[in-house]
Amino acid sequence: VLGEGPMYVVSVSGPKMYEIGDDPWMDRRAYMTQLFQWINVHD
């Protein structure tokens, strides 16, 4: 069931890149993109 359960994230910060699929679970996706994530937990 999509849209419920744990939030799964896959990310890459370095320059080595693989091709990306188009699976239904992906709310947002990126190819050939170096990324970092900021996460803030409060209450």
PDB file of all heavy atoms in Angstrom:
ATOM      1  N   VAL A   1       0.859  -1.173   0.000  1.00  0.00           N
ATOM      2  CA  VAL A   1       0.000   0.000   0.000  1.00  0.00           C
ATOM      3  C   VAL A   1       0.898   1.227   0.000  1.00  0.00           C
ATOM      4  O   VAL A   1       1.763   1.386   0.875  1.00  0.00           O
ATOM      5  CB  VAL A   1      -0.927   0.016   1.224  1.00  0.00           C
ATOM      6  CG1 VAL A   1      -1.764   1.285   1.241  1.00  0.00           C
ATOM      7  CG2 VAL A   1      -1.808  -1.224   1.234  1.00  0.00           C
ATOM      8  N   LEU A   2       0.707   2.098  -0.968  1.00  0.00           N
ATOM      9  CA  LEU A   2       1.513   3.308  -1.080  1.00  0.00           C
ATOM     10  C   LEU A   2       0.939   4.420  -0.211  1.00  0.00           C
ATOM     11  O   LEU A   2      -0.258   4.464   0.049  1.00  0.00           O
ATOM     12  CB  LEU A   2       1.574   3.771  -2.531  1.00  0.00           C
ATOM     13  CG  LEU A   2       2.081   2.749  -3.556  1.00  0.00           C
ATOM     14  CD1 LEU A   2       2.083   3.358  -4.953  1.00  0.00           C
ATOM     15  CD2 LEU A   2       3.474   2.252  -3.185  1.00  0.00           C
ATOM     16  N   GLY A   3       1.826   5.301   0.242  1.00  0.00           N
ATOM     17  CA  GLY A   3       1.392   6.473   1.002  1.00  0.00           C
ATOM     18  C   GLY A   3       1.196   6.223   2.480  1.00  0.00           C
ATOM     19  O   GLY A   3       0.750   7.114   3.195  1.00  0.00           O
ATOM     20  N   GLU A   4       1.538   5.041   2.955  1.00  0.00           N
ATOM     21  CA  GLU A   4       1.455   4.719   4.376  1.00  0.00           C
ATOM     22  C   GLU A   4       2.714   3.960   4.775  1.00  0.00           C
ATOM     23  O   GLU A   4       3.435   3.434   3.941  1.00  0.00           O
ATOM     24  CB  GLU A   4       0.215   3.874   4.682  1.00  0.00           C
ATOM     25  CG  GLU A   4      -1.102   4.572   4.366  1.00  0.00           C
ATOM     26  CD  GLU A   4      -2.300   3.733   4.776  1.00  0.00           C
ATOM     27  OE1 GLU A   4      -2.194   2.993   5.779  1.00  0.00           O
ATOM     28  OE2 GLU A   4      -3.338   3.801   4.095  1.00  0.00           O
ATOM     29  N   GLY A   5       2.965   3.904   6.106  1.00  0.00           N
ATOM     30  CA  GLY A   5       4.105   3.150   6.585  1.00  0.00           C
ATOM     31  C   GLY A   5       5.361   3.996   6.679  1.00  0.00           C
ATOM     32  O   GLY A   5       5.318   5.229   6.630  1.00  0.00           O
ATOM     33  N   PRO A   6       6.514   3.341   6.834  1.00  0.00           N
ATOM     34  CA  PRO A   6       7.775   4.079   6.955  1.00  0.00           C
ATOM     35  C   PRO A   6       8.064   4.923   5.716  1.00  0.00           C
ATOM     36  O   PRO A   6       7.708   4.551   4.597  1.00  0.00           O
ATOM     37  CB  PRO A   6       8.822   2.970   7.112  1.00  0.00           C
ATOM     38  CG  PRO A   6       8.058   1.770   7.594  1.00  0.00           C
ATOM     39  CD  PRO A   6       6.702   1.879   6.963  1.00  0.00           C
ATOM     40  N   MET A   7       8.711   6.049   5.929  1.00  0.00           N
ATOM     41  CA  MET A   7       9.203   6.862   4.820  1.00  0.00           C
ATOM     42  C   MET A   7      10.594   6.341   4.456  1.00  0.00           C
ATOM     43  O   MET A   7      11.522   6.417   5.252  1.00  0.00           O
ATOM     44  CB  MET A   7       9.270   8.331   5.195  1.00  0.00           C
ATOM     45  CG  MET A   7       9.859   9.223   4.099  1.00  0.00           C
ATOM     46  SD  MET A   7       8.835   9.321   2.606  1.00  0.00           S
ATOM     47  CE  MET A   7       7.585  10.489   3.176  1.00  0.00           C
ATOM     48  N   TYR A   8      10.719   5.821   3.236  1.00  0.00           N
ATOM     49  CA  TYR A   8      11.997   5.303   2.757  1.00  0.00           C
ATOM     50  C   TYR A   8      12.676   6.354   1.888  1.00  0.00           C
ATOM     51  O   TYR A   8      12.050   6.931   0.991  1.00  0.00           O
ATOM     52  CB  TYR A   8      11.777   4.030   1.939  1.00  0.00           C
ATOM     53  CG  TYR A   8      11.246   2.868   2.739  1.00  0.00           C
ATOM     54  CD1 TYR A   8       9.897   2.506   2.662  1.00  0.00           C
ATOM     55  CD2 TYR A   8      12.079   2.142   3.576  1.00  0.00           C
ATOM     56  CE1 TYR A   8       9.401   1.441   3.397  1.00  0.00           C
ATOM     57  CE2 TYR A   8      11.595   1.071   4.315  1.00  0.00           C
ATOM     58  CZ  TYR A   8      10.259   0.725   4.225  1.00  0.00           C
ATOM     59  OH  TYR A   8       9.772  -0.321   4.955  1.00  0.00           O
ATOM     60  N   VAL A   9      13.972   6.591   2.166  1.00  0.00           N
ATOM     61  CA  VAL A   9      14.745   7.542   1.370  1.00  0.00           C
ATOM     62  C   VAL A   9      16.022   6.853   0.905  1.00  0.00           C
ATOM     63  O   VAL A   9      16.696   6.171   1.677  1.00  0.00           O
ATOM     64  CB  VAL A   9      15.117   8.797   2.172  1.00  0.00           C
ATOM     65  CG1 VAL A   9      15.817   9.811   1.259  1.00  0.00           C
ATOM     66  CG2 VAL A   9      13.894   9.415   2.823  1.00  0.00           C
ATOM     67  N   VAL A  10      16.338   7.029  -0.364  1.00  0.00           N
ATOM     68  CA  VAL A  10      17.633   6.650  -0.930  1.00  0.00           C
ATOM     69  C   VAL A  10      18.259   7.926  -1.470  1.00  0.00           C
ATOM     70  O   VAL A  10      17.585   8.702  -2.160  1.00  0.00           O
ATOM     71  CB  VAL A  10      17.486   5.622  -2.066  1.00  0.00           C
ATOM     72  CG1 VAL A  10      18.845   5.278  -2.665  1.00  0.00           C
ATOM     73  CG2 VAL A  10      16.778   4.368  -1.570  1.00  0.00           C
ATOM     74  N   SER A  11      19.536   8.157  -1.145  1.00  0.00           N
ATOM     75  CA  SER A  11      20.151   9.384  -1.628  1.00  0.00           C
ATOM     76  C   SER A  11      21.622   9.152  -1.950  1.00  0.00           C
ATOM     77  O   SER A  11      22.214   8.143  -1.538  1.00  0.00           O
ATOM     78  CB  SER A  11      20.014  10.505  -0.594  1.00  0.00           C
ATOM     79  OG  SER A  11      20.376  11.759  -1.156  1.00  0.00           O
ATOM     80  N   VAL A  12      22.191  10.088  -2.690  1.00  0.00           N
ATOM     81  CA  VAL A  12      23.607  10.047  -3.070  1.00  0.00           C
ATOM     82  C   VAL A  12      24.178  11.456  -2.928  1.00  0.00           C
ATOM     83  O   VAL A  12      23.541  12.427  -3.335  1.00  0.00           O
ATOM     84  CB  VAL A  12      23.791   9.508  -4.509  1.00  0.00           C
ATOM     85  CG1 VAL A  12      23.043  10.359  -5.531  1.00  0.00           C
ATOM     86  CG2 VAL A  12      25.273   9.411  -4.869  1.00  0.00           C
ATOM     87  N   SER A  13      25.354  11.543  -2.330  1.00  0.00           N
ATOM     88  CA  SER A  13      25.991  12.852  -2.169  1.00  0.00           C
ATOM     89  C   SER A  13      27.250  12.995  -3.012  1.00  0.00           C
ATOM     90  O   SER A  13      27.696  14.106  -3.275  1.00  0.00           O
ATOM     91  CB  SER A  13      26.322  13.112  -0.696  1.00  0.00           C
ATOM     92  OG  SER A  13      27.175  12.104  -0.172  1.00  0.00           O
ATOM     93  N   GLY A  14      27.827  11.878  -3.447  1.00  0.00           N
ATOM     94  CA  GLY A  14      29.032  11.919  -4.258  1.00  0.00           C
ATOM     95  C   GLY A  14      28.733  11.985  -5.744  1.00  0.00           C
ATOM     96  O   GLY A  14      27.578  12.018  -6.173  1.00  0.00           O
ATOM     97  N   PRO A  15      29.788  11.973  -6.598  1.00  0.00           N
ATOM     98  CA  PRO A  15      29.605  12.182  -8.031  1.00  0.00           C
ATOM     99  C   PRO A  15      29.320  10.932  -8.851  1.00  0.00           C
ATOM    100  O   PRO A  15      28.989  11.034 -10.030  1.00  0.00           O
ATOM    101  CB  PRO A  15      30.944  12.790  -8.447  1.00  0.00           C
ATOM    102  CG  PRO A  15      31.935  12.161  -7.507  1.00  0.00           C
ATOM    103  CD  PRO A  15      31.211  12.029  -6.198  1.00  0.00           C
ATOM    104  N   LYS A  16      29.430   9.738  -8.251  1.00  0.00           N
ATOM    105  CA  LYS A  16      29.146   8.511  -8.989  1.00  0.00           C
ATOM    106  C   LYS A  16      27.633   8.328  -9.093  1.00  0.00           C
ATOM    107  O   LYS A  16      26.930   8.357  -8.082  1.00  0.00           O
ATOM    108  CB  LYS A  16      29.771   7.309  -8.290  1.00  0.00           C
ATOM    109  CG  LYS A  16      29.529   5.971  -8.974  1.00  0.00           C
ATOM    110  CD  LYS A  16      30.163   4.852  -8.158  1.00  0.00           C
ATOM    111  CE  LYS A  16      29.910   3.482  -8.775  1.00  0.00           C
ATOM    112  NZ  LYS A  16      30.491   2.388  -7.936  1.00  0.00           N
ATOM    113  N   MET A  17      27.107   8.113 -10.317  1.00  0.00           N
ATOM    114  CA  MET A  17      25.663   8.064 -10.521  1.00  0.00           C
ATOM    115  C   MET A  17      25.229   6.799 -11.254  1.00  0.00           C
ATOM    116  O   MET A  17      25.942   6.306 -12.128  1.00  0.00           O
ATOM    117  CB  MET A  17      25.211   9.289 -11.335  1.00  0.00           C
ATOM    118  CG  MET A  17      25.516  10.618 -10.679  1.00  0.00           C
ATOM    119  SD  MET A  17      24.497  10.866  -9.201  1.00  0.00           S
ATOM    120  CE  MET A  17      25.308  12.330  -8.490  1.00  0.00           C
ATOM    121  N   TYR A  18      24.050   6.293 -10.886  1.00  0.00           N
ATOM    122  CA  TYR A  18      23.410   5.175 -11.580  1.00  0.00           C
ATOM    123  C   TYR A  18      22.106   5.666 -12.212  1.00  0.00           C
ATOM    124  O   TYR A  18      21.544   6.681 -11.794  1.00  0.00           O
ATOM    125  CB  TYR A  18      23.072   4.036 -10.619  1.00  0.00           C
ATOM    126  CG  TYR A  18      24.247   3.337  -9.990  1.00  0.00           C
ATOM    127  CD1 TYR A  18      24.079   2.583  -8.830  1.00  0.00           C
ATOM    128  CD2 TYR A  18      25.523   3.390 -10.547  1.00  0.00           C
ATOM    129  CE1 TYR A  18      25.147   1.923  -8.229  1.00  0.00           C
ATOM    130  CE2 TYR A  18      26.593   2.737  -9.956  1.00  0.00           C
ATOM    131  CZ  TYR A  18      26.395   2.005  -8.798  1.00  0.00           C
ATOM    132  OH  TYR A  18      27.449   1.349  -8.214  1.00  0.00           O
ATOM    133  N   GLU A  19      21.618   4.894 -13.173  1.00  0.00           N
ATOM    134  CA  GLU A  19      20.315   5.213 -13.747  1.00  0.00           C
ATOM    135  C   GLU A  19      19.227   5.001 -12.697  1.00  0.00           C
ATOM    136  O   GLU A  19      19.418   4.293 -11.706  1.00  0.00           O
ATOM    137  CB  GLU A  19      20.049   4.336 -14.978  1.00  0.00           C
ATOM    138  CG  GLU A  19      20.028   2.838 -14.686  1.00  0.00           C
ATOM    139  CD  GLU A  19      19.805   2.011 -15.939  1.00  0.00           C
ATOM    140  OE1 GLU A  19      18.902   2.375 -16.706  1.00  0.00           O
ATOM    141  OE2 GLU A  19      20.520   1.023 -16.127  1.00  0.00           O
ATOM    142  N   ILE A  20      18.078   5.613 -12.922  1.00  0.00           N
ATOM    143  CA  ILE A  20      16.994   5.544 -11.950  1.00  0.00           C
ATOM    144  C   ILE A  20      15.737   4.994 -12.593  1.00  0.00           C
ATOM    145  O   ILE A  20      15.452   5.248 -13.774  1.00  0.00           O
ATOM    146  CB  ILE A  20      16.719   6.940 -11.346  1.00  0.00           C
ATOM    147  CG1 ILE A  20      15.728   6.834 -10.182  1.00  0.00           C
ATOM    148  CG2 ILE A  20      16.238   7.924 -12.407  1.00  0.00           C
ATOM    149  CD1 ILE A  20      15.624   8.089  -9.360  1.00  0.00           C
ATOM    150  N   GLY A  21      14.991   4.207 -11.802  1.00  0.00           N
ATOM    151  CA  GLY A  21      13.743   3.641 -12.279  1.00  0.00           C
ATOM    152  C   GLY A  21      12.582   4.607 -12.089  1.00  0.00           C
ATOM    153  O   GLY A  21      12.761   5.773 -11.725  1.00  0.00           O
ATOM    154  N   ASP A  22      11.391   4.100 -12.312  1.00  0.00           N
ATOM    155  CA  ASP A  22      10.170   4.907 -12.202  1.00  0.00           C
ATOM    156  C   ASP A  22       9.110   4.083 -11.490  1.00  0.00           C
ATOM    157  O   ASP A  22       8.015   3.849 -12.007  1.00  0.00           O
ATOM    158  CB  ASP A  22       9.693   5.340 -13.593  1.00  0.00           C
ATOM    159  CG  ASP A  22       8.527   6.322 -13.521  1.00  0.00           C
ATOM    160  OD1 ASP A  22       8.314   6.907 -12.439  1.00  0.00           O
ATOM    161  OD2 ASP A  22       7.832   6.486 -14.542  1.00  0.00           O
ATOM    162  N   ASP A  23       9.443   3.644 -10.273  1.00  0.00           N
ATOM    163  CA  ASP A  23       8.542   2.777  -9.531  1.00  0.00           C
ATOM    164  C   ASP A  23       7.455   3.587  -8.821  1.00  0.00           C
ATOM    165  O   ASP A  23       7.677   4.745  -8.439  1.00  0.00           O
ATOM    166  CB  ASP A  23       9.332   1.946  -8.526  1.00  0.00           C
ATOM    167  CG  ASP A  23      10.298   0.994  -9.215  1.00  0.00           C
ATOM    168  OD1 ASP A  23       9.955   0.506 -10.306  1.00  0.00           O
ATOM    169  OD2 ASP A  23      11.389   0.746  -8.674  1.00  0.00           O
ATOM    170  N   PRO A  24       6.297   2.988  -8.592  1.00  0.00           N
ATOM    171  CA  PRO A  24       5.160   3.731  -8.027  1.00  0.00           C
ATOM    172  C   PRO A  24       5.408   4.299  -6.633  1.00  0.00           C
ATOM    173  O   PRO A  24       4.760   5.284  -6.250  1.00  0.00           O
ATOM    174  CB  PRO A  24       4.038   2.682  -8.000  1.00  0.00           C
ATOM    175  CG  PRO A  24       4.428   1.680  -9.036  1.00  0.00           C
ATOM    176  CD  PRO A  24       5.916   1.630  -9.014  1.00  0.00           C
ATOM    177  N   TRP A  25       6.317   3.702  -5.855  1.00  0.00           N
ATOM    178  CA  TRP A  25       6.531   4.165  -4.486  1.00  0.00           C
ATOM    179  C   TRP A  25       7.225   5.525  -4.418  1.00  0.00           C
ATOM    180  O   TRP A  25       7.198   6.191  -3.385  1.00  0.00           O
ATOM    181  CB  TRP A  25       7.340   3.149  -3.685  1.00  0.00           C
ATOM    182  CG  TRP A  25       8.789   3.020  -4.092  1.00  0.00           C
ATOM    183  CD1 TRP A  25       9.295   2.235  -5.064  1.00  0.00           C
ATOM    184  CD2 TRP A  25       9.906   3.720  -3.522  1.00  0.00           C
ATOM    185  NE1 TRP A  25      10.664   2.388  -5.154  1.00  0.00           N
ATOM    186  CE2 TRP A  25      11.062   3.295  -4.207  1.00  0.00           C
ATOM    187  CE3 TRP A  25      10.052   4.664  -2.497  1.00  0.00           C
ATOM    188  CZ2 TRP A  25      12.334   3.773  -3.910  1.00  0.00           C
ATOM    189  CZ3 TRP A  25      11.324   5.142  -2.200  1.00  0.00           C
ATOM    190  CH2 TRP A  25      12.452   4.696  -2.892  1.00  0.00           C
ATOM    191  N   MET A  26       7.823   5.971  -5.502  1.00  0.00           N
ATOM    192  CA  MET A  26       8.640   7.183  -5.494  1.00  0.00           C
ATOM    193  C   MET A  26       7.779   8.443  -5.592  1.00  0.00           C
ATOM    194  O   MET A  26       7.188   8.726  -6.627  1.00  0.00           O
ATOM    195  CB  MET A  26       9.628   7.153  -6.658  1.00  0.00           C
ATOM    196  CG  MET A  26      10.579   5.970  -6.662  1.00  0.00           C
ATOM    197  SD  MET A  26      11.646   6.000  -8.134  1.00  0.00           S
ATOM    198  CE  MET A  26      12.616   4.496  -7.890  1.00  0.00           C
ATOM    199  N   ASP A  27       7.713   9.214  -4.510  1.00  0.00           N
ATOM    200  CA  ASP A  27       7.014  10.507  -4.535  1.00  0.00           C
ATOM    201  C   ASP A  27       7.840  11.573  -5.244  1.00  0.00           C
ATOM    202  O   ASP A  27       7.298  12.512  -5.831  1.00  0.00           O
ATOM    203  CB  ASP A  27       6.707  10.983  -3.119  1.00  0.00           C
ATOM    204  CG  ASP A  27       5.589  10.188  -2.471  1.00  0.00           C
ATOM    205  OD1 ASP A  27       4.909   9.422  -3.183  1.00  0.00           O
ATOM    206  OD2 ASP A  27       5.406  10.313  -1.247  1.00  0.00           O
ATOM    207  N   ARG A  28       9.146  11.451  -5.146  1.00  0.00           N
ATOM    208  CA  ARG A  28      10.069  12.392  -5.771  1.00  0.00           C
ATOM    209  C   ARG A  28      11.364  11.636  -6.051  1.00  0.00           C
ATOM    210  O   ARG A  28      11.799  10.838  -5.230  1.00  0.00           O
ATOM    211  CB  ARG A  28      10.320  13.574  -4.835  1.00  0.00           C
ATOM    212  CG  ARG A  28      11.240  14.678  -5.351  1.00  0.00           C
ATOM    213  CD  ARG A  28      10.593  15.546  -6.400  1.00  0.00           C
ATOM    214  NE  ARG A  28      11.288  16.852  -6.500  1.00  0.00           N
ATOM    215  CZ  ARG A  28      11.087  17.719  -7.482  1.00  0.00           C
ATOM    216  NH1 ARG A  28      10.211  17.446  -8.447  1.00  0.00           N
ATOM    217  NH2 ARG A  28      11.726  18.887  -7.496  1.00  0.00           N
ATOM    218  N   ARG A  29      11.966  11.882  -7.199  1.00  0.00           N
ATOM    219  CA  ARG A  29      13.188  11.161  -7.558  1.00  0.00           C
ATOM    220  C   ARG A  29      14.125  12.085  -8.310  1.00  0.00           C
ATOM    221  O   ARG A  29      13.721  13.152  -8.786  1.00  0.00           O
ATOM    222  CB  ARG A  29      12.857   9.917  -8.403  1.00  0.00           C
ATOM    223  CG  ARG A  29      12.116  10.230  -9.677  1.00  0.00           C
ATOM    224  CD  ARG A  29      11.432   8.985 -10.260  1.00  0.00           C
ATOM    225  NE  ARG A  29      10.678   9.372 -11.453  1.00  0.00           N
ATOM    226  CZ  ARG A  29      11.014   9.065 -12.701  1.00  0.00           C
ATOM    227  NH1 ARG A  29      12.088   8.311 -12.928  1.00  0.00           N
ATOM    228  NH2 ARG A  29      10.294   9.460 -13.724  1.00  0.00           N
ATOM    229  N   ALA A  30      15.400  11.676  -8.398  1.00  0.00           N
ATOM    230  CA  ALA A  30      16.392  12.496  -9.091  1.00  0.00           C
ATOM    231  C   ALA A  30      17.508  11.610  -9.632  1.00  0.00           C
ATOM    232  O   ALA A  30      17.934  10.643  -8.989  1.00  0.00           O
ATOM    233  CB  ALA A  30      16.976  13.546  -8.155  1.00  0.00           C
ATOM    234  N   TYR A  31      17.969  11.977 -10.815  1.00  0.00           N
ATOM    235  CA  TYR A  31      19.078  11.314 -11.492  1.00  0.00           C
ATOM    236  C   TYR A  31      20.194  12.334 -11.700  1.00  0.00           C
ATOM    237  O   TYR A  31      19.923  13.523 -11.923  1.00  0.00           O
ATOM    238  CB  TYR A  31      18.581  10.764 -12.836  1.00  0.00           C
ATOM    239  CG  TYR A  31      19.659  10.345 -13.812  1.00  0.00           C
ATOM    240  CD1 TYR A  31      20.419   9.205 -13.596  1.00  0.00           C
ATOM    241  CD2 TYR A  31      19.889  11.089 -14.969  1.00  0.00           C
ATOM    242  CE1 TYR A  31      21.388   8.813 -14.503  1.00  0.00           C
ATOM    243  CE2 TYR A  31      20.851  10.701 -15.885  1.00  0.00           C
ATOM    244  CZ  TYR A  31      21.603   9.564 -15.649  1.00  0.00           C
ATOM    245  OH  TYR A  31      22.575   9.169 -16.542  1.00  0.00           O
ATOM    246  N   MET A  32      21.450  11.888 -11.591  1.00  0.00           N
ATOM    247  CA  MET A  32      22.612  12.745 -11.835  1.00  0.00           C
ATOM    248  C   MET A  32      22.557  14.005 -10.972  1.00  0.00           C
ATOM    249  O   MET A  32      22.780  15.121 -11.440  1.00  0.00           O
ATOM    250  CB  MET A  32      22.705  13.112 -13.318  1.00  0.00           C
ATOM    251  CG  MET A  32      23.156  11.989 -14.213  1.00  0.00           C
ATOM    252  SD  MET A  32      24.886  11.499 -13.952  1.00  0.00           S
ATOM    253  CE  MET A  32      25.756  12.912 -14.626  1.00  0.00           C
ATOM    254  N   THR A  33      22.289  13.816  -9.681  1.00  0.00           N
ATOM    255  CA  THR A  33      22.149  14.954  -8.783  1.00  0.00           C
ATOM    256  C   THR A  33      22.811  14.636  -7.442  1.00  0.00           C
ATOM    257  O   THR A  33      22.444  13.660  -6.787  1.00  0.00           O
ATOM    258  CB  THR A  33      20.665  15.289  -8.542  1.00  0.00           C
ATOM    259  OG1 THR A  33      19.998  15.442  -9.803  1.00  0.00           O
ATOM    260  CG2 THR A  33      20.523  16.569  -7.746  1.00  0.00           C
ATOM    261  N   GLN A  34      23.781  15.446  -7.054  1.00  0.00           N
ATOM    262  CA  GLN A  34      24.392  15.327  -5.730  1.00  0.00           C
ATOM    263  C   GLN A  34      23.525  16.077  -4.728  1.00  0.00           C
ATOM    264  O   GLN A  34      23.186  17.245  -4.928  1.00  0.00           O
ATOM    265  CB  GLN A  34      25.807  15.915  -5.742  1.00  0.00           C
ATOM    266  CG  GLN A  34      26.812  15.081  -6.514  1.00  0.00           C
ATOM    267  CD  GLN A  34      28.189  15.719  -6.510  1.00  0.00           C
ATOM    268  OE1 GLN A  34      28.591  16.348  -7.486  1.00  0.00           O
ATOM    269  NE2 GLN A  34      28.919  15.562  -5.412  1.00  0.00           N
ATOM    270  N   LEU A  35      23.192  15.405  -3.627  1.00  0.00           N
ATOM    271  CA  LEU A  35      22.237  15.938  -2.658  1.00  0.00           C
ATOM    272  C   LEU A  35      22.730  15.768  -1.237  1.00  0.00           C
ATOM    273  O   LEU A  35      23.573  14.905  -0.937  1.00  0.00           O
ATOM    274  CB  LEU A  35      20.898  15.222  -2.805  1.00  0.00           C
ATOM    275  CG  LEU A  35      20.163  15.379  -4.136  1.00  0.00           C
ATOM    276  CD1 LEU A  35      19.379  14.131  -4.460  1.00  0.00           C
ATOM    277  CD2 LEU A  35      19.239  16.594  -4.098  1.00  0.00           C
ATOM    278  N   PHE A  36      22.189  16.580  -0.343  1.00  0.00           N
ATOM    279  CA  PHE A  36      22.301  16.347   1.092  1.00  0.00           C
ATOM    280  C   PHE A  36      20.931  16.626   1.691  1.00  0.00           C
ATOM    281  O   PHE A  36      20.100  17.312   1.089  1.00  0.00           O
ATOM    282  CB  PHE A  36      23.371  17.229   1.730  1.00  0.00           C
ATOM    283  CG  PHE A  36      23.077  18.702   1.692  1.00  0.00           C
ATOM    284  CD1 PHE A  36      22.385  19.326   2.729  1.00  0.00           C
ATOM    285  CD2 PHE A  36      23.486  19.479   0.613  1.00  0.00           C
ATOM    286  CE1 PHE A  36      22.100  20.689   2.688  1.00  0.00           C
ATOM    287  CE2 PHE A  36      23.217  20.843   0.568  1.00  0.00           C
ATOM    288  CZ  PHE A  36      22.523  21.448   1.602  1.00  0.00           C
ATOM    289  N   GLN A  37      20.691  16.073   2.878  1.00  0.00           N
ATOM    290  CA  GLN A  37      19.382  16.203   3.521  1.00  0.00           C
ATOM    291  C   GLN A  37      19.531  16.816   4.911  1.00  0.00           C
ATOM    292  O   GLN A  37      20.459  16.457   5.662  1.00  0.00           O
ATOM    293  CB  GLN A  37      18.698  14.843   3.635  1.00  0.00           C
ATOM    294  CG  GLN A  37      18.165  14.304   2.328  1.00  0.00           C
ATOM    295  CD  GLN A  37      19.236  13.897   1.324  1.00  0.00           C
ATOM    296  OE1 GLN A  37      19.156  14.207   0.147  1.00  0.00           O
ATOM    297  NE2 GLN A  37      20.264  13.194   1.788  1.00  0.00           N
ATOM    298  N   TRP A  38      18.624  17.729   5.230  1.00  0.00           N
ATOM    299  CA  TRP A  38      18.515  18.305   6.572  1.00  0.00           C
ATOM    300  C   TRP A  38      17.219  17.802   7.178  1.00  0.00           C
ATOM    301  O   TRP A  38      16.153  17.885   6.562  1.00  0.00           O
ATOM    302  CB  TRP A  38      18.501  19.828   6.486  1.00  0.00           C
ATOM    303  CG  TRP A  38      18.189  20.529   7.774  1.00  0.00           C
ATOM    304  CD1 TRP A  38      19.066  20.831   8.783  1.00  0.00           C
ATOM    305  CD2 TRP A  38      16.915  21.049   8.195  1.00  0.00           C
ATOM    306  NE1 TRP A  38      18.424  21.504   9.800  1.00  0.00           N
ATOM    307  CE2 TRP A  38      17.105  21.654   9.461  1.00  0.00           C
ATOM    308  CE3 TRP A  38      15.639  21.071   7.625  1.00  0.00           C
ATOM    309  CZ2 TRP A  38      16.053  22.250  10.158  1.00  0.00           C
ATOM    310  CZ3 TRP A  38      14.599  21.663   8.318  1.00  0.00           C
ATOM    311  CH2 TRP A  38      14.811  22.247   9.569  1.00  0.00           C
ATOM    312  N   ILE A  39      17.311  17.274   8.395  1.00  0.00           N
ATOM    313  CA  ILE A  39      16.156  16.698   9.083  1.00  0.00           C
ATOM    314  C   ILE A  39      16.071  17.309  10.476  1.00  0.00           C
ATOM    315  O   ILE A  39      17.083  17.378  11.190  1.00  0.00           O
ATOM    316  CB  ILE A  39      16.269  15.164   9.151  1.00  0.00           C
ATOM    317  CG1 ILE A  39      16.269  14.583   7.726  1.00  0.00           C
ATOM    318  CG2 ILE A  39      15.133  14.564   9.971  1.00  0.00           C
ATOM    319  CD1 ILE A  39      16.845  13.203   7.626  1.00  0.00           C
ATOM    320  N   ASN A  40      14.891  17.747  10.853  1.00  0.00           N
ATOM    321  CA  ASN A  40      14.681  18.389  12.146  1.00  0.00           C
ATOM    322  C   ASN A  40      13.499  17.721  12.856  1.00  0.00           C
ATOM    323  O   ASN A  40      12.396  17.639  12.292  1.00  0.00           O
ATOM    324  CB  ASN A  40      14.402  19.882  11.952  1.00  0.00           C
ATOM    325  CG  ASN A  40      14.315  20.634  13.255  1.00  0.00           C
ATOM    326  OD1 ASN A  40      15.306  20.774  13.968  1.00  0.00           O
ATOM    327  ND2 ASN A  40      13.127  21.144  13.581  1.00  0.00           N
ATOM    328  N   VAL A  41      13.734  17.255  14.074  1.00  0.00           N
ATOM    329  CA  VAL A  41      12.714  16.555  14.854  1.00  0.00           C
ATOM    330  C   VAL A  41      12.395  17.386  16.091  1.00  0.00           C
ATOM    331  O   VAL A  41      13.298  17.705  16.890  1.00  0.00           O
ATOM    332  CB  VAL A  41      13.204  15.151  15.258  1.00  0.00           C
ATOM    333  CG1 VAL A  41      12.142  14.436  16.087  1.00  0.00           C
ATOM    334  CG2 VAL A  41      13.565  14.333  14.026  1.00  0.00           C
ATOM    335  N   HIS A  42      11.140  17.729  16.262  1.00  0.00           N
ATOM    336  CA  HIS A  42      10.748  18.539  17.412  1.00  0.00           C
ATOM    337  C   HIS A  42       9.289  18.279  17.741  1.00  0.00           C
ATOM    338  O   HIS A  42       8.407  18.433  16.882  1.00  0.00           O
ATOM    339  CB  HIS A  42      10.964  20.023  17.119  1.00  0.00           C
ATOM    340  CG  HIS A  42      10.684  20.922  18.280  1.00  0.00           C
ATOM    341  ND1 HIS A  42      11.144  20.670  19.557  1.00  0.00           N
ATOM    342  CD2 HIS A  42       9.993  22.104  18.370  1.00  0.00           C
ATOM    343  CE1 HIS A  42      10.766  21.626  20.364  1.00  0.00           C
ATOM    344  NE2 HIS A  42      10.039  22.507  19.679  1.00  0.00           N
ATOM    345  N   ASP A  43       9.046  17.870  18.977  1.00  0.00           N
ATOM    346  CA  ASP A  43       7.689  17.576  19.443  1.00  0.00           C
ATOM    347  C   ASP A  43       7.007  16.590  18.482  1.00  0.00           C
ATOM    348  O   ASP A  43       7.502  15.492  18.289  1.00  0.00           O
ATOM    349  CB  ASP A  43       6.881  18.867  19.589  1.00  0.00           C
ATOM    350  CG  ASP A  43       7.394  19.746  20.731  1.00  0.00           C
ATOM    351  OD1 ASP A  43       8.032  19.205  21.644  1.00  0.00           O
ATOM    352  OD2 ASP A  43       7.162  20.966  20.692  1.00  0.00           O
TER     353      ASP A  43
END
